[in-house]
N, C-alpha and C. Protein backbone atom coordinates (compact mmCIF):
# COMPACT_ATOMS: atom_id res chain seq x y z
N GLN A 1 -13.59 -6.30 14.79
CA GLN A 1 -12.61 -6.62 13.76
C GLN A 1 -11.36 -5.78 13.98
N GLY A 2 -10.22 -6.33 13.53
CA GLY A 2 -8.95 -5.67 13.78
C GLY A 2 -8.75 -4.41 12.98
N GLN A 3 -8.07 -3.46 13.60
CA GLN A 3 -7.72 -2.20 12.94
C GLN A 3 -6.53 -2.45 12.02
N LEU A 4 -6.58 -1.85 10.85
CA LEU A 4 -5.45 -1.94 9.94
C LEU A 4 -4.27 -1.17 10.52
N VAL A 5 -3.10 -1.77 10.44
CA VAL A 5 -1.88 -1.15 10.95
C VAL A 5 -0.82 -1.20 9.87
N GLU A 6 -0.40 -0.04 9.40
CA GLU A 6 0.65 0.06 8.41
C GLU A 6 1.96 0.44 9.09
N SER A 7 3.04 -0.11 8.59
CA SER A 7 4.35 0.19 9.18
C SER A 7 5.42 0.11 8.10
N GLY A 8 6.60 0.63 8.44
CA GLY A 8 7.74 0.52 7.54
C GLY A 8 8.13 1.79 6.83
N GLY A 9 7.35 2.84 7.00
CA GLY A 9 7.68 4.10 6.36
C GLY A 9 8.88 4.78 7.01
N GLY A 10 9.27 5.89 6.42
CA GLY A 10 10.41 6.62 6.98
C GLY A 10 10.95 7.61 5.97
N LEU A 11 12.12 8.15 6.32
CA LEU A 11 12.82 9.09 5.46
C LEU A 11 13.91 8.34 4.69
N VAL A 12 13.91 8.48 3.39
CA VAL A 12 14.88 7.78 2.57
C VAL A 12 15.36 8.71 1.46
N GLN A 13 16.58 8.53 1.04
CA GLN A 13 17.12 9.34 -0.05
C GLN A 13 16.60 8.84 -1.40
N PRO A 14 16.55 9.71 -2.38
CA PRO A 14 16.17 9.26 -3.72
C PRO A 14 17.02 8.08 -4.17
N GLY A 15 16.36 7.10 -4.76
CA GLY A 15 17.03 5.87 -5.15
C GLY A 15 17.02 4.79 -4.11
N GLY A 16 16.60 5.12 -2.92
CA GLY A 16 16.57 4.16 -1.84
C GLY A 16 15.36 3.25 -1.88
N SER A 17 15.25 2.40 -0.86
CA SER A 17 14.18 1.41 -0.78
C SER A 17 13.53 1.41 0.59
N LEU A 18 12.29 1.02 0.60
CA LEU A 18 11.54 0.79 1.83
C LEU A 18 10.61 -0.39 1.60
N ARG A 19 10.29 -1.08 2.67
CA ARG A 19 9.30 -2.15 2.60
C ARG A 19 8.21 -1.86 3.61
N LEU A 20 7.02 -1.64 3.10
CA LEU A 20 5.87 -1.37 3.95
C LEU A 20 5.17 -2.69 4.28
N SER A 21 4.62 -2.73 5.48
CA SER A 21 3.86 -3.90 5.92
C SER A 21 2.48 -3.48 6.39
N CYS A 22 1.52 -4.36 6.21
CA CYS A 22 0.14 -4.09 6.62
C CYS A 22 -0.39 -5.31 7.36
N ALA A 23 -0.92 -5.08 8.54
CA ALA A 23 -1.50 -6.14 9.35
C ALA A 23 -2.84 -5.66 9.90
N ALA A 24 -3.66 -6.61 10.28
CA ALA A 24 -4.94 -6.29 10.91
C ALA A 24 -5.29 -7.43 11.85
N PRO A 25 -4.79 -7.38 13.05
CA PRO A 25 -5.04 -8.46 14.00
C PRO A 25 -6.53 -8.79 14.10
N GLY A 26 -6.85 -10.06 13.91
CA GLY A 26 -8.23 -10.48 14.00
C GLY A 26 -8.95 -10.53 12.67
N ARG A 27 -8.35 -9.96 11.64
CA ARG A 27 -8.97 -10.00 10.31
C ARG A 27 -8.34 -11.09 9.45
N ILE A 28 -9.16 -11.62 8.57
CA ILE A 28 -8.70 -12.61 7.61
C ILE A 28 -8.59 -11.94 6.25
N PHE A 29 -7.39 -11.92 5.67
CA PHE A 29 -7.18 -11.26 4.38
C PHE A 29 -7.57 -12.16 3.21
N SER A 30 -7.54 -13.45 3.43
CA SER A 30 -7.85 -14.39 2.35
C SER A 30 -9.26 -14.13 1.83
N GLY A 31 -9.39 -14.11 0.51
CA GLY A 31 -10.69 -13.88 -0.10
C GLY A 31 -10.94 -12.45 -0.50
N TYR A 32 -10.04 -11.55 -0.08
CA TYR A 32 -10.19 -10.13 -0.40
C TYR A 32 -9.10 -9.68 -1.37
N ASN A 33 -9.48 -8.79 -2.28
CA ASN A 33 -8.49 -8.03 -3.01
C ASN A 33 -7.92 -6.99 -2.05
N MET A 34 -6.60 -6.83 -2.07
CA MET A 34 -5.94 -5.90 -1.16
C MET A 34 -5.20 -4.84 -1.94
N GLY A 35 -5.09 -3.67 -1.35
CA GLY A 35 -4.42 -2.59 -2.06
C GLY A 35 -3.59 -1.71 -1.14
N TRP A 36 -2.63 -1.04 -1.75
CA TRP A 36 -1.86 0.02 -1.11
C TRP A 36 -2.24 1.33 -1.79
N TYR A 37 -2.47 2.33 -0.98
CA TYR A 37 -2.90 3.64 -1.45
C TYR A 37 -1.92 4.68 -0.94
N ARG A 38 -1.95 5.85 -1.54
CA ARG A 38 -1.17 6.94 -0.99
C ARG A 38 -1.95 8.24 -1.12
N GLN A 39 -1.59 9.14 -0.22
CA GLN A 39 -2.28 10.42 -0.18
C GLN A 39 -1.29 11.50 0.20
N VAL A 40 -1.34 12.60 -0.54
CA VAL A 40 -0.57 13.79 -0.20
C VAL A 40 -1.56 14.88 0.15
N PRO A 41 -1.15 15.85 0.93
CA PRO A 41 -2.08 16.92 1.34
C PRO A 41 -2.73 17.58 0.13
N GLY A 42 -4.04 17.74 0.23
CA GLY A 42 -4.79 18.41 -0.82
C GLY A 42 -5.23 17.52 -1.95
N GLN A 43 -4.85 16.25 -1.90
CA GLN A 43 -5.24 15.32 -2.96
C GLN A 43 -6.00 14.14 -2.37
N GLN A 44 -6.76 13.48 -3.22
CA GLN A 44 -7.50 12.31 -2.77
C GLN A 44 -6.59 11.11 -2.61
N ARG A 45 -7.00 10.24 -1.75
CA ARG A 45 -6.30 8.98 -1.55
C ARG A 45 -6.58 8.07 -2.75
N GLY A 46 -5.53 7.48 -3.30
CA GLY A 46 -5.72 6.66 -4.48
C GLY A 46 -4.90 5.39 -4.47
N LEU A 47 -5.42 4.38 -5.13
CA LEU A 47 -4.77 3.08 -5.20
C LEU A 47 -3.54 3.16 -6.09
N VAL A 48 -2.40 2.72 -5.55
CA VAL A 48 -1.18 2.69 -6.35
C VAL A 48 -0.77 1.27 -6.71
N ALA A 49 -1.17 0.30 -5.91
CA ALA A 49 -0.85 -1.09 -6.19
C ALA A 49 -1.93 -1.97 -5.60
N GLY A 50 -2.33 -2.99 -6.34
CA GLY A 50 -3.36 -3.89 -5.85
C GLY A 50 -2.99 -5.33 -6.14
N ILE A 51 -3.54 -6.23 -5.34
CA ILE A 51 -3.30 -7.65 -5.54
C ILE A 51 -4.61 -8.38 -5.30
N THR A 52 -4.97 -9.22 -6.26
CA THR A 52 -6.21 -9.97 -6.11
C THR A 52 -6.00 -11.18 -5.21
N ASN A 53 -7.08 -11.85 -4.91
CA ASN A 53 -6.97 -13.04 -4.07
C ASN A 53 -6.22 -14.15 -4.79
N SER A 54 -6.12 -14.07 -6.11
CA SER A 54 -5.35 -15.06 -6.87
C SER A 54 -3.98 -14.53 -7.27
N ASP A 55 -3.53 -13.49 -6.57
CA ASP A 55 -2.18 -12.94 -6.72
C ASP A 55 -1.92 -12.24 -8.04
N ILE A 56 -2.95 -11.80 -8.71
CA ILE A 56 -2.77 -10.91 -9.86
C ILE A 56 -2.50 -9.52 -9.32
N THR A 57 -1.47 -8.87 -9.87
CA THR A 57 -1.08 -7.56 -9.36
C THR A 57 -1.28 -6.47 -10.41
N ILE A 58 -1.59 -5.28 -9.93
CA ILE A 58 -1.74 -4.12 -10.79
C ILE A 58 -1.03 -2.94 -10.14
N TYR A 59 -0.56 -2.01 -10.99
CA TYR A 59 0.18 -0.86 -10.49
C TYR A 59 -0.15 0.36 -11.35
N ILE A 60 -0.08 1.52 -10.72
CA ILE A 60 -0.15 2.73 -11.53
C ILE A 60 1.15 2.84 -12.32
N ASP A 61 1.08 3.53 -13.46
CA ASP A 61 2.22 3.57 -14.36
C ASP A 61 3.48 4.11 -13.69
N SER A 62 3.32 5.10 -12.83
CA SER A 62 4.49 5.76 -12.27
C SER A 62 5.29 4.90 -11.31
N VAL A 63 4.73 3.77 -10.85
CA VAL A 63 5.47 2.91 -9.92
C VAL A 63 5.78 1.55 -10.53
N LYS A 64 5.31 1.29 -11.74
CA LYS A 64 5.60 0.00 -12.38
C LYS A 64 7.10 -0.21 -12.50
N GLY A 65 7.54 -1.40 -12.15
CA GLY A 65 8.96 -1.72 -12.21
C GLY A 65 9.74 -1.27 -11.00
N ARG A 66 9.12 -0.49 -10.12
CA ARG A 66 9.79 -0.02 -8.91
C ARG A 66 9.14 -0.55 -7.64
N PHE A 67 7.83 -0.71 -7.66
CA PHE A 67 7.09 -1.19 -6.49
C PHE A 67 6.62 -2.62 -6.74
N THR A 68 6.57 -3.40 -5.67
CA THR A 68 6.06 -4.77 -5.76
C THR A 68 5.14 -5.02 -4.57
N ILE A 69 3.91 -5.39 -4.88
CA ILE A 69 2.96 -5.74 -3.82
C ILE A 69 2.93 -7.25 -3.67
N ALA A 70 2.80 -7.70 -2.44
CA ALA A 70 2.75 -9.13 -2.16
C ALA A 70 1.87 -9.37 -0.95
N ARG A 71 1.39 -10.57 -0.83
CA ARG A 71 0.54 -10.90 0.30
C ARG A 71 0.96 -12.26 0.87
N ASP A 72 0.71 -12.43 2.14
CA ASP A 72 0.93 -13.71 2.81
C ASP A 72 -0.34 -14.00 3.59
N ASN A 73 -1.21 -14.80 3.00
CA ASN A 73 -2.49 -15.08 3.65
C ASN A 73 -2.32 -15.92 4.92
N THR A 74 -1.23 -16.64 5.03
CA THR A 74 -1.02 -17.44 6.24
C THR A 74 -0.73 -16.54 7.44
N LYS A 75 -0.20 -15.36 7.17
CA LYS A 75 0.09 -14.42 8.24
C LYS A 75 -0.87 -13.23 8.25
N ASN A 76 -1.79 -13.20 7.29
CA ASN A 76 -2.69 -12.05 7.14
C ASN A 76 -1.90 -10.75 7.05
N MET A 77 -0.97 -10.74 6.11
CA MET A 77 -0.10 -9.59 5.90
C MET A 77 -0.09 -9.21 4.42
N VAL A 78 0.07 -7.93 4.17
CA VAL A 78 0.28 -7.43 2.81
C VAL A 78 1.50 -6.52 2.86
N TYR A 79 2.32 -6.59 1.82
CA TYR A 79 3.58 -5.85 1.80
C TYR A 79 3.66 -4.99 0.53
N LEU A 80 4.44 -3.94 0.63
CA LEU A 80 4.76 -3.13 -0.54
C LEU A 80 6.26 -2.86 -0.52
N GLN A 81 6.97 -3.52 -1.43
CA GLN A 81 8.39 -3.27 -1.58
C GLN A 81 8.55 -2.10 -2.53
N MET A 82 9.22 -1.06 -2.08
CA MET A 82 9.39 0.15 -2.88
C MET A 82 10.87 0.37 -3.14
N ASP A 83 11.25 0.29 -4.37
CA ASP A 83 12.64 0.49 -4.78
C ASP A 83 12.76 1.72 -5.67
N SER A 84 14.00 2.18 -5.84
CA SER A 84 14.26 3.34 -6.71
C SER A 84 13.30 4.48 -6.40
N LEU A 85 13.18 4.77 -5.13
CA LEU A 85 12.21 5.78 -4.70
C LEU A 85 12.56 7.16 -5.23
N LYS A 86 11.51 7.92 -5.51
CA LYS A 86 11.64 9.26 -6.05
C LYS A 86 10.95 10.25 -5.10
N PRO A 87 11.35 11.51 -5.15
CA PRO A 87 10.68 12.50 -4.28
C PRO A 87 9.17 12.53 -4.47
N GLU A 88 8.70 12.27 -5.69
CA GLU A 88 7.26 12.30 -5.94
C GLU A 88 6.52 11.12 -5.31
N ASP A 89 7.25 10.16 -4.75
CA ASP A 89 6.62 9.06 -4.01
C ASP A 89 6.29 9.46 -2.58
N THR A 90 6.73 10.63 -2.17
CA THR A 90 6.46 11.11 -0.82
C THR A 90 4.96 11.22 -0.58
N ALA A 91 4.48 10.55 0.46
CA ALA A 91 3.05 10.52 0.76
C ALA A 91 2.84 9.71 2.03
N VAL A 92 1.62 9.73 2.52
CA VAL A 92 1.21 8.78 3.54
C VAL A 92 0.63 7.57 2.81
N TYR A 93 1.10 6.40 3.17
CA TYR A 93 0.67 5.17 2.52
C TYR A 93 -0.26 4.38 3.45
N TYR A 94 -1.33 3.87 2.85
CA TYR A 94 -2.34 3.11 3.57
C TYR A 94 -2.58 1.78 2.85
N CYS A 95 -3.09 0.83 3.60
CA CYS A 95 -3.55 -0.41 2.96
C CYS A 95 -5.02 -0.62 3.33
N ASN A 96 -5.68 -1.45 2.54
CA ASN A 96 -7.07 -1.78 2.80
C ASN A 96 -7.49 -2.89 1.86
N ALA A 97 -8.56 -3.54 2.19
CA ALA A 97 -9.24 -4.39 1.23
C ALA A 97 -10.03 -3.48 0.30
N ASP A 98 -10.09 -3.84 -0.97
CA ASP A 98 -10.70 -2.94 -1.93
C ASP A 98 -11.79 -3.66 -2.72
N GLY A 99 -12.89 -2.94 -2.95
CA GLY A 99 -14.02 -3.55 -3.62
C GLY A 99 -13.91 -3.61 -5.13
N LEU A 100 -13.04 -2.76 -5.73
CA LEU A 100 -12.97 -2.69 -7.19
C LEU A 100 -11.56 -2.79 -7.74
N LEU A 101 -10.54 -2.47 -6.94
CA LEU A 101 -9.16 -2.38 -7.43
C LEU A 101 -9.09 -1.51 -8.69
N ASN A 102 -9.59 -0.31 -8.56
CA ASN A 102 -9.55 0.68 -9.64
C ASN A 102 -8.39 1.62 -9.35
N LEU A 103 -7.34 1.53 -10.16
CA LEU A 103 -6.14 2.32 -9.92
C LEU A 103 -6.46 3.80 -9.87
N GLY A 104 -5.90 4.47 -8.86
CA GLY A 104 -6.12 5.89 -8.70
C GLY A 104 -7.31 6.25 -7.85
N SER A 105 -8.16 5.29 -7.60
CA SER A 105 -9.34 5.51 -6.77
C SER A 105 -9.24 4.67 -5.50
N ALA A 106 -10.26 4.73 -4.67
CA ALA A 106 -10.28 3.95 -3.44
C ALA A 106 -11.70 3.49 -3.16
N TYR A 107 -11.86 2.20 -3.00
CA TYR A 107 -13.15 1.60 -2.65
C TYR A 107 -12.91 0.68 -1.45
N PRO A 108 -12.60 1.31 -0.32
CA PRO A 108 -12.20 0.52 0.85
C PRO A 108 -13.36 -0.26 1.45
N LEU A 109 -13.04 -1.44 1.91
CA LEU A 109 -14.04 -2.30 2.55
C LEU A 109 -13.99 -2.20 4.07
N TRP A 110 -12.87 -1.74 4.59
CA TRP A 110 -12.69 -1.65 6.04
C TRP A 110 -12.34 -0.22 6.44
N ASN A 111 -12.39 0.03 7.71
CA ASN A 111 -11.97 1.34 8.20
C ASN A 111 -10.48 1.55 7.95
N TRP A 112 -10.11 2.78 7.66
CA TRP A 112 -8.72 3.08 7.41
C TRP A 112 -7.88 3.02 8.70
N GLY A 113 -6.62 2.64 8.53
CA GLY A 113 -5.67 2.75 9.63
C GLY A 113 -5.04 4.13 9.63
N GLN A 114 -3.97 4.27 10.40
CA GLN A 114 -3.29 5.56 10.52
C GLN A 114 -2.37 5.86 9.34
N GLY A 115 -2.00 4.84 8.62
CA GLY A 115 -1.07 5.03 7.52
C GLY A 115 0.36 5.12 8.01
N THR A 116 1.28 5.13 7.05
CA THR A 116 2.69 5.27 7.38
C THR A 116 3.31 6.29 6.41
N GLN A 117 4.04 7.23 6.97
CA GLN A 117 4.60 8.32 6.18
C GLN A 117 5.87 7.86 5.46
N VAL A 118 5.91 8.12 4.17
CA VAL A 118 7.11 7.89 3.38
C VAL A 118 7.58 9.23 2.85
N THR A 119 8.82 9.56 3.16
CA THR A 119 9.39 10.81 2.70
C THR A 119 10.67 10.50 1.94
N VAL A 120 10.71 10.94 0.69
CA VAL A 120 11.88 10.72 -0.15
C VAL A 120 12.53 12.07 -0.40
N SER A 121 13.69 12.24 0.18
CA SER A 121 14.36 13.54 0.10
C SER A 121 15.84 13.37 0.36
N SER A 122 16.62 14.21 -0.28
CA SER A 122 18.06 14.22 -0.03
C SER A 122 18.41 15.26 1.04
């Protein structure tokens, strides 16, 4: 099965935007709930945004109105549009299929990818 590959991270100033992408060559995303997670050193990896197979979306309170998760099952891709970024959004971001979509936690169904670093700083 394909390895998850996250991309699109980088260094951005506060208030800026980034769009993260998640792919897994050889995997079929359809039928799975998908999530974006983030992790900072010393803390557990936790779900910040999730999308069900029927496109219902959930977000942690701190990113509501700023982040948008979307999926394209025809391309087996999941995206995270991040706007109005804040320094506290700095983290490594990962995607995965999730067994529960419990915000703040992680119930990954597949092996983790390398993640993509997002740094928000002036």
